[in-house]
Amino acid sequence: MGRTLTGMLDLDAVVDSIRRFASQLVDTTNFFVALYDAERDMISFPLYVDGVNRRVNMATRRAGRGMSEHVIHTRQPFLVRENLPKIQVELGIESIGEPAQSWLGVPMMIGEQPIGLIAVQSYTTPRVYDEHDRDLLLAVASQAAIAIQNARLFGEQQRMAGMLSERVKQLDCLSDIGRRAQEAPPLPEFLEWVAERIPAAMRYPDVCLAAVEFEGRVYGPPDALVGNHLPPGRQGHAAQAEGEPHTSHLLGSADELSARARWCRACGSGRRRSAGCM
């Protein structure tokens, strides 16, 4: 189990495997994996099965005083074999959702820090789970915590690598614009080239158009200034011919762009340029 889980880097695949392994040890008819974000104090549920293979989309919620929070805050397994409402009252635990007849939750720990929990429950039968089930689920949770942490770190690395790649594209574009401006080409030719160069620096270059508006003339495809060019499902940005210019945050404002392109800045007009991406 440990080798299989720790070899996975996709969070959805990890939580599915957690249930598959747990189901070989305990009754997982009603089963969930909850993840705790300590920085935001939020609990999310990447997997919540309510009945045989009936998956439920549970909303992320702020941590409160529920059963899950009790496991997270105490960092200890919580086994309730029967009389759950009475125990909830005694411990000051809030009842959330349909009450269970028996409930077992175990924390997933990285060092001393809880990152979530695994829980099973029965709505119809008391005394379904015992101490042996608790120990088995704890063993699953210890491996699951490592796998989930690895998947989270991998996801964050992928996100950061994507951001770095996007930024490199942006800087390359600005550098190209600066070099082209140094050559002092004719202004219309330069602005047309800028409009052609910008889309390659966008996150989705295949659905991106750019235009530069200057002195009442549009350089580049006119559709770039209209908000209806993208196919259904893609929302773009339209630059307005007058007023505050819009340039994708990936490149910065039109003024920042022209500050890097000194020839463009030196044209003497003083009017703003705008580039729109959609």
Protein backbone atom coordinates (compact mmCIF):
# COMPACT_ATOMS: atom_id res chain seq x y z
CA MET A 1 0.00 0.00 0.00
CA GLY A 2 2.68 2.49 1.02
CA ARG A 3 4.69 1.99 -2.17
CA THR A 4 1.60 2.38 -4.34
CA LEU A 5 0.34 5.50 -2.60
CA THR A 6 3.66 7.32 -2.34
CA GLY A 7 4.29 6.65 -6.03
CA MET A 8 1.19 8.67 -6.97
CA LEU A 9 1.38 12.40 -7.60
CA ASP A 10 -2.22 13.11 -8.58
CA LEU A 11 -4.37 14.00 -5.57
CA ASP A 12 -7.59 12.55 -7.00
CA ALA A 13 -5.86 9.25 -7.73
CA VAL A 14 -4.40 9.23 -4.21
CA VAL A 15 -7.74 9.65 -2.43
CA ASP A 16 -9.40 7.04 -4.63
CA SER A 17 -6.62 4.60 -3.74
CA ILE A 18 -6.96 5.43 -0.04
CA ARG A 19 -10.56 4.24 -0.11
CA ARG A 20 -9.68 1.17 -2.14
CA PHE A 21 -7.07 0.09 0.39
CA ALA A 22 -9.24 1.00 3.39
CA SER A 23 -12.16 -1.02 1.99
CA GLN A 24 -10.02 -4.14 2.24
CA LEU A 25 -9.79 -3.60 6.00
CA VAL A 26 -12.98 -1.92 7.23
CA ASP A 27 -16.51 -1.20 6.05
CA THR A 28 -16.20 1.88 3.79
CA THR A 29 -19.82 2.07 2.63
CA ASN A 30 -19.90 5.58 4.09
CA PHE A 31 -16.41 7.02 3.81
CA PHE A 32 -14.70 10.36 3.42
CA VAL A 33 -11.30 11.97 3.20
CA ALA A 34 -11.08 15.52 4.55
CA LEU A 35 -8.13 17.87 4.11
CA TYR A 36 -7.33 20.67 6.52
CA ASP A 37 -5.82 23.98 5.42
CA ALA A 38 -4.37 25.36 8.66
CA GLU A 39 -3.43 28.71 7.13
CA ARG A 40 -7.00 29.40 6.00
CA ASP A 41 -8.64 27.28 8.71
CA MET A 42 -10.73 25.51 6.07
CA ILE A 43 -11.75 21.89 5.55
CA SER A 44 -12.28 20.40 2.10
CA PHE A 45 -13.57 16.98 1.06
CA PRO A 46 -11.81 15.60 -2.03
CA LEU A 47 -13.68 12.31 -1.56
CA TYR A 48 -17.01 11.77 0.16
CA VAL A 49 -18.85 8.50 -0.44
CA ASP A 50 -22.33 8.21 1.03
CA GLY A 51 -23.59 4.73 0.35
CA VAL A 52 -22.18 2.14 -2.03
CA ASN A 53 -20.19 4.10 -4.65
CA ARG A 54 -22.45 7.15 -4.26
CA ARG A 55 -20.12 10.12 -4.38
CA VAL A 56 -21.25 13.42 -2.94
CA ASN A 57 -19.74 16.81 -3.72
CA MET A 58 -19.25 18.38 -0.32
CA ALA A 59 -18.54 22.07 -0.12
CA THR A 60 -15.38 23.35 1.50
CA ARG A 61 -16.21 24.87 4.86
CA ARG A 62 -14.56 26.93 7.54
CA ALA A 63 -13.46 24.79 10.46
CA GLY A 64 -15.97 24.82 13.27
CA ARG A 65 -16.92 22.32 16.00
CA GLY A 66 -17.89 19.25 13.98
CA MET A 67 -16.67 15.68 14.26
CA SER A 68 -13.93 16.24 11.68
CA GLU A 69 -12.65 19.29 13.53
CA HIS A 70 -12.56 17.32 16.77
CA VAL A 71 -10.21 14.77 15.19
CA ILE A 72 -8.06 17.49 13.65
CA HIS A 73 -7.78 19.57 16.82
CA THR A 74 -7.16 16.66 19.19
CA ARG A 75 -4.88 14.92 16.66
CA GLN A 76 -6.23 11.65 17.99
CA PRO A 77 -8.46 8.91 16.59
CA PHE A 78 -12.09 9.28 17.55
CA LEU A 79 -14.16 6.09 17.83
CA VAL A 80 -17.86 6.36 18.70
CA ARG A 81 -19.45 2.93 18.79
CA GLU A 82 -22.93 4.10 19.83
CA ASN A 83 -24.87 6.95 21.49
CA LEU A 84 -23.29 9.53 19.21
CA PRO A 85 -25.71 12.41 20.04
CA LYS A 86 -25.00 12.03 23.75
CA ILE A 87 -21.24 12.04 23.22
CA GLN A 88 -21.47 15.08 20.97
CA VAL A 89 -23.29 17.00 23.68
CA GLU A 90 -20.78 15.94 26.32
CA LEU A 91 -17.81 17.04 24.21
CA GLY A 92 -19.43 20.17 22.78
CA ILE A 93 -19.33 18.82 19.24
CA GLU A 94 -21.74 20.28 16.72
CA SER A 95 -23.94 17.86 14.79
CA ILE A 96 -23.43 18.40 11.07
CA GLY A 97 -25.36 16.37 8.51
CA GLU A 98 -27.24 13.15 9.06
CA PRO A 99 -26.44 11.66 12.49
CA ALA A 100 -24.56 8.37 12.49
CA GLN A 101 -25.12 5.37 14.70
CA SER A 102 -21.38 4.61 14.76
CA TRP A 103 -18.45 6.75 13.64
CA LEU A 104 -14.68 6.36 13.33
CA GLY A 105 -12.26 9.08 12.29
CA VAL A 106 -8.45 9.05 12.33
CA PRO A 107 -6.10 11.97 11.70
CA MET A 108 -3.60 12.16 8.88
CA MET A 109 -0.42 13.63 10.34
CA ILE A 110 2.79 15.03 8.90
CA GLY A 111 5.06 15.24 11.89
CA GLU A 112 3.02 16.98 14.56
CA GLN A 113 0.72 18.74 12.12
CA PRO A 114 -2.67 17.36 11.08
CA ILE A 115 -3.36 17.70 7.36
CA GLY A 116 -6.77 16.04 7.45
CA LEU A 117 -8.55 12.85 8.40
CA ILE A 118 -10.09 9.65 7.12
CA ALA A 119 -13.51 8.71 8.47
CA VAL A 120 -16.07 5.92 8.15
CA GLN A 121 -19.57 5.82 9.57
CA SER A 122 -22.80 3.87 9.67
CA TYR A 123 -26.17 5.60 9.70
CA THR A 124 -28.10 2.46 10.60
CA THR A 125 -26.05 0.20 12.84
CA PRO A 126 -24.29 0.90 16.14
CA ARG A 127 -21.04 -0.80 17.15
CA VAL A 128 -19.92 -1.37 13.55
CA TYR A 129 -16.35 -0.29 14.31
CA ASP A 130 -14.03 -1.24 17.15
CA GLU A 131 -10.48 -0.66 18.33
CA HIS A 132 -9.10 -3.11 15.78
CA ASP A 133 -10.73 -1.12 12.96
CA ARG A 134 -9.31 2.07 14.50
CA ASP A 135 -5.78 0.67 14.42
CA LEU A 136 -6.15 -0.55 10.84
CA LEU A 137 -7.47 2.81 9.66
CA LEU A 138 -4.64 4.58 11.48
CA ALA A 139 -2.15 2.50 9.51
CA VAL A 140 -3.85 3.56 6.28
CA ALA A 141 -3.87 7.21 7.41
CA SER A 142 -0.14 7.24 8.12
CA GLN A 143 0.64 6.19 4.54
CA ALA A 144 -2.12 8.36 3.11
CA ALA A 145 -0.73 11.49 4.78
CA ILE A 146 2.65 11.05 3.09
CA ALA A 147 1.06 10.41 -0.30
CA ILE A 148 -1.25 13.42 -0.01
CA GLN A 149 1.60 15.68 1.06
CA ASN A 150 3.70 14.49 -1.89
CA ALA A 151 0.81 15.12 -4.30
CA ARG A 152 0.26 18.59 -2.85
CA LEU A 153 3.94 19.49 -3.12
CA PHE A 154 4.08 18.20 -6.68
CA GLY A 155 1.00 20.21 -7.59
CA GLU A 156 2.53 23.35 -6.08
CA GLN A 157 5.79 22.74 -7.95
CA GLN A 158 3.86 22.36 -11.19
CA ARG A 159 1.97 25.57 -10.50
CA MET A 160 5.17 27.48 -9.76
CA ALA A 161 6.89 26.04 -12.83
CA GLY A 162 3.93 27.15 -14.94
CA MET A 163 4.10 30.65 -13.47
CA LEU A 164 7.83 30.82 -14.13
CA SER A 165 7.34 29.67 -17.70
CA GLU A 166 4.67 32.33 -18.23
CA ARG A 167 6.91 35.02 -16.80
CA VAL A 168 9.80 33.98 -19.05
CA LYS A 169 7.49 34.33 -22.06
CA GLN A 170 6.46 37.79 -20.90
CA LEU A 171 10.02 38.98 -20.36
CA ASP A 172 11.08 37.59 -23.73
CA CYS A 173 8.27 39.52 -25.38
CA LEU A 174 9.20 42.78 -23.65
CA SER A 175 12.84 42.23 -24.51
CA ASP A 176 11.96 41.67 -28.17
CA ILE A 177 9.85 44.81 -28.22
CA GLY A 178 12.70 46.80 -26.71
CA ARG A 179 15.21 45.48 -29.25
CA ARG A 180 12.86 46.18 -32.15
CA ALA A 181 12.27 49.69 -30.88
CA GLN A 182 16.03 50.31 -30.83
CA GLU A 183 16.06 49.70 -34.58
CA ALA A 184 13.68 52.67 -35.04
CA PRO A 185 11.43 51.17 -37.73
CA PRO A 186 8.55 53.23 -39.13
CA LEU A 187 5.92 53.69 -36.46
CA PRO A 188 3.03 51.89 -38.26
CA GLU A 189 5.28 48.94 -39.03
CA PHE A 190 6.48 48.78 -35.43
CA LEU A 191 2.98 48.90 -33.92
CA GLU A 192 1.74 46.20 -36.29
CA TRP A 193 4.69 44.05 -35.26
CA VAL A 194 3.98 44.63 -31.56
CA ALA A 195 0.36 43.53 -32.04
CA GLU A 196 1.57 40.36 -33.78
CA ARG A 197 4.22 39.64 -31.11
CA ILE A 198 2.09 39.98 -27.98
CA PRO A 199 -0.15 36.87 -28.32
CA ALA A 200 2.83 34.50 -28.11
CA ALA A 201 3.46 35.83 -24.58
CA MET A 202 -0.06 35.05 -23.41
CA ARG A 203 -1.13 31.94 -21.53
CA TYR A 204 -3.40 30.84 -24.39
CA PRO A 205 -1.74 32.19 -27.55
CA ASP A 206 -4.00 30.18 -29.87
CA VAL A 207 -7.07 32.12 -28.70
CA CYS A 208 -5.39 35.47 -28.12
CA LEU A 209 -5.51 38.59 -30.25
CA ALA A 210 -3.73 41.86 -29.56
CA ALA A 211 -4.16 45.32 -30.98
CA VAL A 212 -2.53 48.67 -30.35
CA GLU A 213 -4.65 51.81 -30.58
CA PHE A 214 -2.71 54.99 -31.29
CA GLU A 215 -3.85 58.36 -32.62
CA GLY A 216 -7.28 56.94 -33.42
CA ARG A 217 -5.93 54.10 -35.52
CA VAL A 218 -5.92 50.40 -34.62
CA TYR A 219 -2.82 48.36 -35.43
CA GLY A 220 -3.41 44.63 -35.47
CA PRO A 221 -6.70 42.75 -35.92
CA PRO A 222 -9.67 45.03 -35.14
CA ASP A 223 -11.47 42.07 -33.55
CA ALA A 224 -9.02 42.37 -30.65
CA LEU A 225 -10.98 45.43 -29.52
CA VAL A 226 -14.32 43.61 -29.62
CA GLY A 227 -15.45 41.28 -26.84
CA ASN A 228 -17.22 38.74 -29.07
CA HIS A 229 -14.34 37.13 -30.93
CA LEU A 230 -13.69 34.15 -28.68
CA PRO A 231 -15.54 30.86 -29.19
CA PRO A 232 -18.22 29.86 -26.63
CA GLY A 233 -16.79 29.11 -23.21
CA ARG A 234 -13.76 31.39 -23.61
CA GLN A 235 -14.04 34.77 -21.99
CA GLY A 236 -11.64 37.36 -23.26
CA HIS A 237 -10.79 40.94 -22.48
CA ALA A 238 -11.62 43.87 -24.71
CA ALA A 239 -9.50 47.00 -24.82
CA GLN A 240 -11.41 50.23 -25.13
CA ALA A 241 -10.36 52.67 -27.84
CA GLU A 242 -10.80 55.56 -25.45
CA GLY A 243 -10.32 55.85 -21.70
CA GLU A 244 -8.18 53.62 -19.50
CA PRO A 245 -6.21 51.16 -21.65
CA HIS A 246 -6.32 47.45 -20.98
CA THR A 247 -3.28 45.25 -21.32
CA SER A 248 -3.14 41.75 -19.94
CA HIS A 249 -1.51 41.66 -16.49
CA LEU A 250 0.96 39.22 -18.03
CA LEU A 251 2.66 42.11 -19.80
CA GLY A 252 1.83 45.04 -17.55
CA SER A 253 0.21 48.32 -18.49
CA ALA A 254 0.55 49.97 -21.87
CA ASP A 255 2.66 52.68 -20.23
CA GLU A 256 5.04 50.05 -18.82
CA LEU A 257 5.30 48.45 -22.24
CA SER A 258 6.07 51.76 -23.94
CA ALA A 259 8.60 52.66 -21.24
CA ARG A 260 10.56 49.57 -22.21
CA ALA A 261 10.23 50.40 -25.91
CA ARG A 262 12.04 53.75 -25.92
CA TRP A 263 11.44 54.52 -29.57
CA CYS A 264 7.71 54.18 -28.94
CA ARG A 265 7.97 56.48 -25.94
CA ALA A 266 9.90 59.03 -27.91
CA CYS A 267 7.25 59.48 -30.58
CA GLY A 268 6.12 62.59 -28.73
CA SER A 269 2.37 62.11 -28.79
CA GLY A 270 1.87 61.62 -25.09
CA ARG A 271 -1.31 59.60 -25.75
CA ARG A 272 -1.70 56.17 -24.20
CA ARG A 273 -1.34 52.96 -26.18
CA SER A 274 -3.57 50.00 -25.44
CA ALA A 275 -3.36 46.31 -26.21
CA GLY A 276 -6.30 43.96 -25.77
CA CYS A 277 -6.10 40.21 -25.42
CA MET A 278 -9.07 37.87 -25.84
